[in-house]
Structure formats: structure tokens, C-alpha cells
């Protein structure tokens, strides 16, 4: 029997609604979700932290606490980006440790940890910290395709993760590229070679997800990720209603189907009433072209939203065609946060302003190795153009952040460690959030208008600078 990890409150709406599902719309069904019988629910991490404070003006820590109060039986899990935590750069070790400790204290039982470049060194501290607090670790291999991504490549990454004592290996297929046969082969080899529990995560973008899950389960997968329709399919995970009936009876989990129907009816109503303006046909349709340009669900929904705001939606196909070229130039990074932002942003800039005429500071940092070692070599002339520039990093420690918040009057001495961590991760955005919270301002579910020379990819705002030729 395979067990189900539900993504409705995290990856599903990140992929379909640009992460805009508000806490107030989750809480009414949280207790019903707890009755369904999922192994765990992914409710936090990924882009949810940033979007909460940047757009929704919600406290992500309060969201976690509120969900934990209502979800008592089902394990809660989060997606953690290794040294990037829930942000887009590497943070100091003390911030990584404290963040994980507070996330566990506030209700996270399982940490799904990945690195955008599959550089396991960037995951080591987070994995060890999670193990030390007594939580469960899912060690991730980010699945993608390209000349370097062979079965042997992935098995080597699995071996490195097992060496760090992870509890589960998660195959994270963020763009729906995992074919049914490759899912079978990869799961089977991991199970035969290492005997470790395997979780398979995919998206329905290319239309293969249901078949991929069936072959993964046939090969011995212990967990698969689904969401609840109608917040499912398209660029999100397949709906559990469909997957349940597609599975052979011997493999079906024991789920409360009545509770699933109740939640489904609620989601249908709330999506129509509050979020229909965010649902693009492009993220709901099967798109086999993704097998070529490999854009994951959350990245696609945000590319569409932001190109529309820049009055450049007609350039989407050009951007999608440019993305594989940028990936090759940058050493074939998997398209997962923050590499998806780095590649996606550069593809947009290349299309709108000319190839590599403009670079973000994140691209420059990537070229200088600040994010780790990419799977393949970076195009040499790109590295040569930024090697002497240097990239200033603003990584403040916990006590420095606490002192600044006290001086600005947002906290008192030894008060609210969560606010201090929020400020450590997103200093400028956090200040705006703290001001809005003080005034009782709530955010809007609709993405804000993009400003000139600002890009918003996967919920993060990039300042664009010009690199002289």
C-alpha cells in the first residue's frame, strides 16, 4: 500500500495560484483534511513564507501555528531549500539552525530538504539539524533532464544523501519531466541498491503524472504526492480522487473519501468566489512542450502573471524557448528555486533586452559560485564578464537582526524569535510587513503590479542591473 502526501496547502496553490491561497481560506477545512488519512500534509516552506509577508501581509509563523492547532493527527511537513531555507541566498549557519528549531517547535514534523544544484554539501547542515531535533528528513534529488542527468548521476546523489542518514529519498520532479519508465527504473534501482523508503513527487504539466505514479508504485515507491481537485492537475500535482481510483486495489491507501468530497466542494466554491482571476488556462492545460523547455509549475504560473503585468505576455513562447539555452550556458542547473528564478529571470531579460545585456545580482552571484557547484561547466565567457565585479552579500546574524528590530521599535528585548528570523531572511520585505501588521493591513490575493525594471519570478522581486558589454 502506498501512502499519500497531500500538497493542497503548499505546492498545489503555489503552482496554480502563484502561492496566493490565504490562511483564512485554509482554516475552515483544516480539520476535515486531518480526517482524510494522509501520511502527511505539506503546508509550509517553498514560496509560501515569502509570499505571506510580501503580498498577503500574513505572518507565516502564525499560519503554521493555526494549522497545527487544527491538524492534530496528520504529520505536517515543509519544503526547505538547504542553505537557502525559504529564501533565495545562502544564510549563516546560526540562522539555518535556529530556523529549523523554531519550525519544528511550531509544528513541522517532516522537513523535505533539497538544493537547487543537487549539491549535497549545501544540504548537510540542515539535514543534521533536523535529525538533532528529532524530526523526519526527506532528502531530495531534484529531477531534470539534460546530457549530464543519467541514472548513475541520480544514484550517486542518493548515496550521498544516505550517507547523511536521511529517512526518505524524495524524487522531486518539479516540471513533470519524469516519464513512467524512468520513474520505474529509478525507484526500482534505489529500492534494490539501498532499501531506503522512496517518495515520488511530480506535476501534471506534461500529462504523464498519473502514469508516472502508477509505474513508481509498481516499482515499490512508498509515498506519492497528490493534491485535492479542483486545486490539482495542470501545473500542480494530480488530484487524489483520480489517483485513488487509478491505483490497483492492493496499493490503495485507506482514505476517508467523504472528507475528500467535502473539501473538494469547498475548494470549488472558494476558487470560483475569490481566486478565479488567478487561474490561467495555460497552467491548467497539458503542455507537452514542457518536455523541451522544462519549466516547473510554480515558475510557469508566475512567468505568465508577471509577463502579463509587464504587457509582454505575447513574448512567453520566446521566453520558454530561451530557457533551455540559458540552462545550458549556466551549466544545466535543475529548474527549482532559486535556480528557476535565476534562469527564468535571465531568459526574460535576454528576450526583452538582448542576450545577457542585463544581469541580476543573483545571476552574477551564481556565476561566481555563490550558490554551489552546478552539474556541468558554465559558459566561460559569462564567468569572465563578472569575475572581477564581486557580489556584496548582506547576511546578518541573529543578534544583529534582533538589535536592529529593537532599535526600530518592532520588538522588545528577547521577544518573538520568529520575527527576528523573518527579518534575518527578508530584511526589507519584513520591515514592510511589520509596518502593515501594526496598521492592521491585510494583503490582496491578486499579485501586485510590477514596476519598471523589476521582475517577479516565483514570488520574488529582482532588481535588474545593466552589465556593460
Protein backbone atom coordinates (compact mmCIF):
# COMPACT_ATOMS: atom_id res chain seq x y z
CA UNK A 1 0.00 0.00 0.00
CA UNK A 2 1.35 3.41 -0.98
CA UNK A 3 0.91 6.35 1.37
CA UNK A 4 -0.20 9.81 0.29
CA UNK A 5 1.45 13.17 0.98
CA UNK A 6 -1.03 15.98 0.35
CA UNK A 7 0.22 19.25 -1.20
CA UNK A 8 -3.04 21.25 -1.33
CA UNK A 9 -1.89 23.91 1.15
CA UNK A 10 1.59 24.37 -0.38
CA UNK A 11 2.68 23.21 -3.81
CA UNK A 12 -0.77 22.97 -5.37
CA UNK A 13 -1.64 26.62 -4.93
CA UNK A 14 1.98 27.67 -5.49
CA UNK A 15 1.76 26.02 -8.91
CA UNK A 16 -1.75 27.16 -9.87
CA UNK A 17 -2.35 30.40 -7.95
CA UNK A 18 1.15 31.85 -7.63
CA UNK A 19 1.03 30.85 -3.91
CA UNK A 20 -1.83 33.25 -3.14
CA UNK A 21 -4.16 30.95 -1.13
CA UNK A 22 -4.73 32.79 2.15
CA UNK A 23 -4.70 31.27 5.61
CA UNK A 24 -8.29 32.34 6.22
CA UNK A 25 -9.31 30.08 3.33
CA UNK A 26 -7.30 27.11 4.62
CA UNK A 27 -8.51 27.04 8.21
CA UNK A 28 -12.20 26.18 7.53
CA UNK A 29 -11.19 22.83 6.01
CA UNK A 30 -8.09 22.04 8.08
CA UNK A 31 -9.92 19.72 10.47
CA UNK A 32 -11.61 17.92 7.58
CA UNK A 33 -8.21 17.46 5.93
CA UNK A 34 -6.95 15.93 9.17
CA UNK A 35 -9.67 13.25 8.93
CA UNK A 36 -8.73 12.05 5.45
CA UNK A 37 -5.85 9.77 6.42
CA UNK A 38 -2.89 11.31 4.60
CA UNK A 39 0.55 10.27 5.77
CA UNK A 40 1.45 13.96 5.92
CA UNK A 41 0.39 17.35 4.61
CA UNK A 42 2.86 19.76 3.03
CA UNK A 43 1.69 23.11 4.40
CA UNK A 44 4.75 25.37 4.66
CA UNK A 45 8.03 26.33 3.07
CA UNK A 46 8.77 26.83 -0.57
CA UNK A 47 7.45 30.21 -1.68
CA UNK A 48 4.73 30.36 0.99
CA UNK A 49 6.92 32.15 3.53
CA UNK A 50 7.94 34.95 1.18
CA UNK A 51 4.51 35.40 -0.38
CA UNK A 52 2.84 35.58 3.04
CA UNK A 53 4.86 38.59 4.14
CA UNK A 54 5.40 40.20 0.73
CA UNK A 55 1.94 40.06 -0.79
CA UNK A 56 -0.64 38.64 1.61
CA UNK A 57 0.63 40.56 4.67
CA UNK A 58 0.22 37.43 6.76
CA UNK A 59 2.62 36.03 9.33
CA UNK A 60 3.81 32.63 8.02
CA UNK A 61 4.63 31.52 11.57
CA UNK A 62 1.05 32.24 12.63
CA UNK A 63 -0.21 30.26 9.63
CA UNK A 64 1.81 27.27 10.79
CA UNK A 65 0.59 27.59 14.38
CA UNK A 66 -3.03 27.94 13.29
CA UNK A 67 -2.82 24.86 11.07
CA UNK A 68 -1.08 22.84 13.77
CA UNK A 69 -3.89 23.65 16.23
CA UNK A 70 -6.44 22.18 13.84
CA UNK A 71 -4.41 19.33 12.34
CA UNK A 72 -3.61 17.01 15.24
CA UNK A 73 -3.31 13.52 13.72
CA UNK A 74 -1.62 14.13 10.38
CA UNK A 75 2.07 14.98 10.19
CA UNK A 76 2.90 18.43 8.85
CA UNK A 77 5.82 18.95 6.55
CA UNK A 78 7.64 21.76 4.82
CA UNK A 79 9.92 22.27 1.83
CA UNK A 80 13.33 23.62 2.83
CA UNK A 81 15.94 24.83 0.33
CA UNK A 82 19.05 23.70 2.19
CA UNK A 83 21.27 26.70 2.93
CA UNK A 84 18.67 28.94 1.29
CA UNK A 85 16.00 27.88 3.84
CA UNK A 86 12.87 29.55 2.41
CA UNK A 87 14.78 32.38 0.74
CA UNK A 88 16.94 32.84 -2.30
CA UNK A 89 20.50 33.05 -0.97
CA UNK A 90 22.70 31.18 1.48
CA UNK A 91 22.17 32.19 5.11
CA UNK A 92 24.57 32.00 8.07
CA UNK A 93 24.78 28.67 9.87
CA UNK A 94 23.26 30.05 13.07
CA UNK A 95 20.21 31.27 11.14
CA UNK A 96 19.79 27.86 9.49
CA UNK A 97 19.94 26.06 12.83
CA UNK A 98 17.60 28.45 14.65
CA UNK A 99 15.08 28.48 11.80
CA UNK A 100 14.81 24.70 11.78
CA UNK A 101 14.50 24.57 15.58
CA UNK A 102 11.66 27.12 15.56
CA UNK A 103 9.90 25.46 12.62
CA UNK A 104 9.95 22.15 14.49
CA UNK A 105 8.79 23.84 17.71
CA UNK A 106 5.87 25.44 15.87
CA UNK A 107 4.63 22.23 14.31
CA UNK A 108 6.72 20.85 11.45
CA UNK A 109 7.24 17.08 11.72
CA UNK A 110 8.93 16.41 8.38
CA UNK A 111 11.48 18.53 6.53
CA UNK A 112 11.86 17.93 2.81
CA UNK A 113 15.32 19.30 2.05
CA UNK A 114 16.77 19.99 -1.39
CA UNK A 115 19.44 22.04 -3.12
CA UNK A 116 18.81 23.77 -6.42
CA UNK A 117 22.04 22.41 -7.91
CA UNK A 118 21.81 18.95 -6.29
CA UNK A 119 24.94 19.99 -4.38
CA UNK A 120 24.51 17.80 -1.30
CA UNK A 121 27.09 19.87 0.61
CA UNK A 122 24.50 22.66 0.72
CA UNK A 123 22.04 20.31 2.44
CA UNK A 124 24.32 18.83 5.10
CA UNK A 125 23.83 21.34 7.93
CA UNK A 126 20.05 21.42 7.50
CA UNK A 127 19.84 17.61 7.48
CA UNK A 128 21.99 17.26 10.59
CA UNK A 129 19.98 19.94 12.41
CA UNK A 130 16.66 18.29 11.59
CA UNK A 131 17.99 14.96 12.83
CA UNK A 132 19.20 16.60 16.04
CA UNK A 133 15.74 17.98 16.90
CA UNK A 134 14.15 14.59 16.28
CA UNK A 135 12.17 15.35 13.12
CA UNK A 136 11.97 13.29 9.93
CA UNK A 137 14.18 14.14 6.95
CA UNK A 138 13.28 13.66 3.31
CA UNK A 139 16.48 14.04 1.31
CA UNK A 140 15.71 15.29 -2.18
CA UNK A 141 17.18 14.67 -5.59
CA UNK A 142 15.86 17.35 -7.93
CA UNK A 143 14.94 15.55 -11.14
CA UNK A 144 15.56 17.10 -14.51
CA UNK A 145 16.87 16.08 -17.91
CA UNK A 146 19.95 17.01 -19.88
CA UNK A 147 23.22 15.47 -21.04
CA UNK A 148 24.64 15.00 -17.51
CA UNK A 149 21.50 13.63 -15.81
CA UNK A 150 21.84 9.87 -16.13
CA UNK A 151 20.54 7.11 -13.87
CA UNK A 152 24.06 6.83 -12.47
CA UNK A 153 24.09 10.56 -11.67
CA UNK A 154 20.94 10.26 -9.57
CA UNK A 155 22.07 7.09 -7.80
CA UNK A 156 25.29 8.87 -6.80
CA UNK A 157 23.23 11.68 -5.26
CA UNK A 158 21.10 9.11 -3.41
CA UNK A 159 24.25 7.54 -1.99
CA UNK A 160 25.49 10.93 -0.78
CA UNK A 161 22.16 11.62 0.94
CA UNK A 162 22.02 8.21 2.58
CA UNK A 163 25.47 8.98 3.94
CA UNK A 164 23.84 11.84 5.84
CA UNK A 165 21.27 9.46 7.38
CA UNK A 166 18.12 10.80 5.69
CA UNK A 167 14.92 8.90 6.46
CA UNK A 168 13.37 9.03 2.99
CA UNK A 169 14.65 9.74 -0.52
CA UNK A 170 12.34 12.09 -2.43
CA UNK A 171 12.49 12.25 -6.21
CA UNK A 172 11.37 15.82 -6.82
CA UNK A 173 10.16 16.21 -10.40
CA UNK A 174 9.16 19.85 -10.42
CA UNK A 175 8.35 20.16 -14.12
CA UNK A 176 6.61 16.86 -14.89
CA UNK A 177 9.58 15.52 -16.85
CA UNK A 178 9.74 12.14 -15.12
CA UNK A 179 8.48 9.55 -17.60
CA UNK A 180 6.68 6.45 -16.34
CA UNK A 181 9.56 4.20 -17.41
CA UNK A 182 12.22 6.40 -15.81
CA UNK A 183 10.15 6.54 -12.61
CA UNK A 184 10.03 2.75 -12.55
CA UNK A 185 13.75 2.38 -13.25
CA UNK A 186 14.86 4.99 -10.74
CA UNK A 187 12.61 3.84 -7.91
CA UNK A 188 13.47 0.19 -8.54
CA UNK A 189 17.22 0.86 -8.53
CA UNK A 190 17.04 2.91 -5.32
CA UNK A 191 15.00 0.24 -3.57
CA UNK A 192 17.21 -2.62 -4.76
CA UNK A 193 20.51 -0.88 -4.11
CA UNK A 194 19.75 0.93 -0.86
CA UNK A 195 16.45 -0.33 0.56
CA UNK A 196 15.50 3.16 1.71
CA UNK A 197 11.87 4.45 1.61
CA UNK A 198 11.20 6.41 -1.60
CA UNK A 199 8.79 9.28 -2.19
CA UNK A 200 7.93 10.43 -5.72
CA UNK A 201 6.81 14.00 -6.36
CA UNK A 202 5.71 15.14 -9.81
CA UNK A 203 3.48 17.65 -11.58
CA UNK A 204 0.79 17.12 -14.19
CA UNK A 205 2.20 19.72 -16.58
CA UNK A 206 3.11 17.26 -19.35
CA UNK A 207 0.16 14.92 -18.82
CA UNK A 208 2.30 11.99 -17.66
CA UNK A 209 1.82 12.28 -13.89
CA UNK A 210 -0.85 9.62 -13.31
CA UNK A 211 1.04 7.05 -15.40
CA UNK A 212 4.29 8.06 -13.71
CA UNK A 213 2.80 7.46 -10.27
CA UNK A 214 1.39 4.08 -11.26
CA UNK A 215 4.79 2.90 -12.51
CA UNK A 216 6.53 4.35 -9.45
CA UNK A 217 4.17 2.46 -7.15
CA UNK A 218 4.66 -0.70 -9.19
CA UNK A 219 8.42 -0.31 -8.65
CA UNK A 220 7.95 -0.02 -4.89
CA UNK A 221 7.50 3.70 -4.12
CA UNK A 222 6.42 4.15 -0.52
CA UNK A 223 4.90 7.65 -0.89
CA UNK A 224 3.46 9.78 -3.69
CA UNK A 225 2.36 13.43 -3.62
CA UNK A 226 -1.16 14.47 -4.63
CA UNK A 227 -3.49 17.40 -4.04
CA UNK A 228 -7.27 17.64 -3.87
CA UNK A 229 -9.19 18.54 -7.03
CA UNK A 230 -10.08 21.13 -8.17
CA UNK A 231 -6.81 22.52 -6.79
CA UNK A 232 -4.94 19.87 -8.73
CA UNK A 233 -3.64 18.83 -12.16
CA UNK A 234 -2.36 21.37 -14.66
CA UNK A 235 0.99 22.54 -13.33
CA UNK A 236 0.17 21.12 -9.86
CA UNK A 237 0.06 17.55 -8.60
CA UNK A 238 -2.60 15.06 -9.76
CA UNK A 239 -5.84 15.00 -7.77
CA UNK A 240 -6.12 12.31 -5.13
CA UNK A 241 -9.65 11.49 -6.31
CA UNK A 242 -8.23 10.34 -9.64
CA UNK A 243 -5.10 8.69 -8.29
CA UNK A 244 -7.07 6.71 -5.70
CA UNK A 245 -9.19 5.01 -8.36
CA UNK A 246 -6.27 4.60 -10.78
CA UNK A 247 -4.23 2.62 -8.25
CA UNK A 248 -4.65 -1.16 -8.08
CA UNK A 249 -6.83 -2.06 -5.09
CA UNK A 250 -3.93 -3.68 -3.26
CA UNK A 251 -2.00 -0.40 -3.39
CA UNK A 252 -4.81 1.97 -2.42
CA UNK A 253 -4.37 3.78 0.89
CA UNK A 254 -7.16 3.79 3.48
CA UNK A 255 -8.62 7.27 2.97
CA UNK A 256 -11.84 8.96 4.06
CA UNK A 257 -13.43 9.64 0.66
CA UNK A 258 -16.37 11.51 2.19
CA UNK A 259 -13.98 14.01 3.80
CA UNK A 260 -12.20 14.42 0.46
CA UNK A 261 -15.53 15.20 -1.26
CA UNK A 262 -16.35 17.78 1.39
CA UNK A 263 -13.01 19.52 0.97
CA UNK A 264 -13.32 19.36 -2.81
CA UNK A 265 -16.70 21.10 -2.77
CA UNK A 266 -15.31 23.83 -0.53
CA UNK A 267 -12.31 24.37 -2.80
CA UNK A 268 -14.53 24.58 -5.87
CA UNK A 269 -16.62 27.27 -4.19
CA UNK A 270 -13.71 29.32 -2.83
CA UNK A 271 -11.74 29.18 -6.09
CA UNK A 272 -14.75 30.49 -8.01
CA UNK A 273 -15.53 33.22 -5.48
CA UNK A 274 -12.04 34.53 -4.69
CA UNK A 275 -9.32 33.14 -6.93
CA UNK A 276 -10.73 32.66 -10.42
CA UNK A 277 -8.85 35.73 -11.66
CA UNK A 278 -5.56 34.00 -10.80
CA UNK A 279 -6.28 30.77 -12.65
CA UNK A 280 -4.79 30.97 -16.13
CA UNK A 281 -5.85 28.48 -18.79
CA UNK A 282 -2.18 27.99 -19.56
CA UNK A 283 -1.44 26.49 -16.13
CA UNK A 284 -4.49 24.21 -16.32
CA UNK A 285 -3.78 22.78 -19.76
CA UNK A 286 -1.49 19.83 -20.53
CA UNK A 287 1.59 21.17 -22.25
CA UNK A 288 3.91 18.55 -23.78
CA UNK A 289 6.24 21.35 -24.91
CA UNK A 290 7.45 21.48 -21.29
CA UNK A 291 9.46 18.37 -22.16
CA UNK A 292 11.55 20.77 -24.25
CA UNK A 293 11.78 23.90 -22.08
CA UNK A 294 11.29 22.15 -18.70
CA UNK A 295 9.54 24.93 -16.74
CA UNK A 296 8.13 23.75 -13.36
CA UNK A 297 4.59 24.55 -12.23
CA UNK A 298 5.25 27.42 -9.84
CA UNK A 299 7.65 29.03 -12.27
CA UNK A 300 5.14 28.84 -15.14
CA UNK A 301 2.27 30.43 -13.21
CA UNK A 302 4.50 33.30 -12.11
CA UNK A 303 6.07 33.81 -15.53
CA UNK A 304 2.60 34.18 -17.00
CA UNK A 305 1.43 36.54 -14.25
CA UNK A 306 4.48 38.77 -14.41
CA UNK A 307 4.80 38.91 -18.20
CA UNK A 308 1.13 39.92 -18.27
CA UNK A 309 1.83 42.73 -15.81
CA UNK A 310 4.76 43.87 -17.94
CA UNK A 311 2.49 43.88 -21.02
CA UNK A 312 4.76 41.24 -22.54
CA UNK A 313 2.66 38.07 -22.35
CA UNK A 314 2.91 37.78 -26.13
CA UNK A 315 6.63 37.07 -25.61
CA UNK A 316 6.00 33.99 -23.43
CA UNK A 317 6.89 31.45 -26.11
CA UNK A 318 10.14 33.28 -26.82
CA UNK A 319 10.98 33.18 -23.11
CA UNK A 320 10.20 29.47 -22.90
CA UNK A 321 12.41 28.78 -25.92
CA UNK A 322 15.22 30.80 -24.35
CA UNK A 323 15.14 28.96 -21.02
CA UNK A 324 16.89 25.73 -22.22
CA UNK A 325 19.60 27.84 -23.86
CA UNK A 326 20.23 29.74 -20.62
CA UNK A 327 20.30 26.46 -18.68
CA UNK A 328 23.00 25.11 -20.95
CA UNK A 329 25.01 28.33 -20.66
CA UNK A 330 24.79 28.15 -16.84
CA UNK A 331 25.86 24.52 -16.51
CA UNK A 332 22.47 22.78 -16.65
CA UNK A 333 21.04 23.74 -13.24
CA UNK A 334 17.76 21.97 -12.38
CA UNK A 335 14.85 24.41 -12.62
CA UNK A 336 13.98 24.55 -8.96
CA UNK A 337 14.12 27.53 -6.59
CA UNK A 338 16.32 29.55 -6.59
CA UNK A 339 17.88 28.27 -9.83
CA UNK A 340 14.49 28.56 -11.55
CA UNK A 341 14.39 32.27 -10.71
CA UNK A 342 17.96 32.74 -11.85
CA UNK A 343 17.38 31.02 -15.19
CA UNK A 344 13.83 32.32 -15.70
CA UNK A 345 14.76 35.91 -14.98
CA UNK A 346 17.75 35.77 -17.30
CA UNK A 347 15.63 34.28 -20.08
CA UNK A 348 13.13 37.14 -19.71
CA UNK A 349 15.93 39.71 -19.81
CA UNK A 350 17.52 38.05 -22.83
CA UNK A 351 14.24 38.16 -24.75
CA UNK A 352 13.22 41.69 -23.77
CA UNK A 353 16.61 43.43 -23.82
CA UNK A 354 19.06 41.23 -25.75
CA UNK A 355 21.07 38.18 -24.71
CA UNK A 356 23.00 38.86 -21.50
CA UNK A 357 22.76 42.61 -21.97
CA UNK A 358 21.28 42.83 -18.46
CA UNK A 359 22.04 40.62 -15.47
CA UNK A 360 20.61 40.46 -11.97
CA UNK A 361 22.87 40.36 -8.94
CA UNK A 362 21.61 36.78 -8.40
CA UNK A 363 22.91 35.71 -11.81
CA UNK A 364 26.26 37.33 -11.06
CA UNK A 365 26.43 35.53 -7.71
CA UNK A 366 25.60 32.24 -9.42
CA UNK A 367 28.37 32.76 -11.98
CA UNK A 368 30.80 33.39 -9.12
CA UNK A 369 29.87 30.09 -7.44
CA UNK A 370 27.92 31.61 -4.55
CA UNK A 371 25.13 29.02 -4.92
CA UNK A 372 27.38 25.98 -5.11
CA UNK A 373 28.71 23.72 -7.86
CA UNK A 374 26.47 23.34 -10.93
CA UNK A 375 26.06 19.91 -12.56
CA UNK A 376 28.16 20.94 -15.61
CA UNK A 377 30.56 23.67 -16.70
CA UNK A 378 29.31 27.25 -17.08
CA UNK A 379 29.91 29.01 -20.38
CA UNK A 380 33.36 30.52 -19.93
CA UNK A 381 32.73 33.95 -21.43
CA UNK A 382 29.89 34.54 -18.95
CA UNK A 383 32.13 33.81 -15.98
CA UNK A 384 34.81 36.04 -17.44
CA UNK A 385 32.46 39.00 -17.63
CA UNK A 386 31.70 39.05 -13.90
CA UNK A 387 34.77 37.52 -12.24
CA UNK A 388 36.22 40.87 -11.19
CA UNK A 389 33.00 42.54 -10.08
CA UNK A 390 32.38 40.82 -6.76
CA UNK A 391 28.92 40.45 -5.27
CA UNK A 392 28.15 42.04 -1.93
CA UNK A 393 26.29 39.72 0.40
CA UNK A 394 24.15 41.04 3.23
CA UNK A 395 23.95 38.14 5.65
CA UNK A 396 23.29 39.36 9.16
CA UNK A 397 23.45 37.21 12.24
CA UNK A 398 20.60 36.67 14.66
CA UNK A 399 21.80 39.07 17.36
CA UNK A 400 22.49 41.83 14.84
CA UNK A 401 18.98 41.42 13.44
CA UNK A 402 17.46 41.39 16.91
CA UNK A 403 19.28 44.61 17.83
CA UNK A 404 18.08 46.36 14.67
CA UNK A 405 14.46 45.34 15.26
CA UNK A 406 14.63 46.60 18.85
CA UNK A 407 16.12 49.91 17.70
CA UNK A 408 13.34 50.28 15.11
CA UNK A 409 10.72 49.54 17.76
CA UNK A 410 9.29 46.37 16.22
CA UNK A 411 10.18 44.05 19.10
CA UNK A 412 11.34 44.25 22.70
CA UNK A 413 14.36 42.51 24.22
CA UNK A 414 14.20 38.68 23.95
CA UNK A 415 10.80 38.90 22.28
CA UNK A 416 9.46 36.89 19.33
CA UNK A 417 12.29 34.82 17.90
CA UNK A 418 10.10 34.19 14.86
CA UNK A 419 10.06 37.90 13.95
CA UNK A 420 13.83 38.02 14.27
CA UNK A 421 14.18 35.08 11.88
CA UNK A 422 11.74 36.63 9.41
CA UNK A 423 13.91 39.76 9.41
CA UNK A 424 17.10 37.69 9.01
CA UNK A 425 15.63 36.06 5.89
CA UNK A 426 13.92 39.03 4.21
CA UNK A 427 15.08 42.29 5.84
CA UNK A 428 13.41 44.84 3.56
CA UNK A 429 10.22 42.87 2.98
CA UNK A 430 9.95 42.06 6.69
CA UNK A 431 10.01 45.73 7.67
CA UNK A 432 7.17 46.49 5.26
CA UNK A 433 5.26 43.52 6.66
CA UNK A 434 5.82 44.60 10.27
CA UNK A 435 4.56 48.09 9.41
CA UNK A 436 1.48 46.69 7.68
CA UNK A 437 0.79 44.32 10.56
CA UNK A 438 0.99 47.19 13.03
CA UNK A 439 -1.61 49.08 10.98
CA UNK A 440 -3.83 46.02 10.60
CA UNK A 441 -3.40 45.91 6.84
CA UNK A 442 -4.17 42.65 5.03
CA UNK A 443 -2.80 41.84 1.62
CA UNK A 444 -4.69 41.08 -1.55
CA UNK A 445 -4.70 37.67 -3.21
CA UNK A 446 -4.03 39.30 -6.57
CA UNK A 447 -0.34 39.86 -7.47
CA UNK A 448 0.70 43.48 -7.27
CA UNK A 449 1.65 45.42 -10.35
CA UNK A 450 5.24 45.03 -11.45
CA UNK A 451 7.33 48.18 -11.54
CA UNK A 452 9.59 49.23 -14.35
CA UNK A 453 12.87 47.28 -14.30
CA UNK A 454 11.55 44.99 -11.55
CA UNK A 455 10.95 41.31 -12.23
CA UNK A 456 8.85 38.97 -10.11
CA UNK A 457 9.59 35.29 -10.64
CA UNK A 458 8.17 32.63 -8.31
CA UNK A 459 7.10 35.30 -5.87
CA UNK A 460 10.46 37.05 -5.54
CA UNK A 461 11.29 40.55 -6.76
CA UNK A 462 14.56 41.04 -8.62
CA UNK A 463 16.36 44.34 -9.14
CA UNK A 464 17.74 44.39 -12.65
CA UNK A 465 21.09 45.99 -13.33
CA UNK A 466 22.86 46.65 -16.63
CA UNK A 467 26.09 44.87 -17.43
CA UNK A 468 28.11 46.87 -19.91
CA UNK A 469 29.37 44.96 -22.94
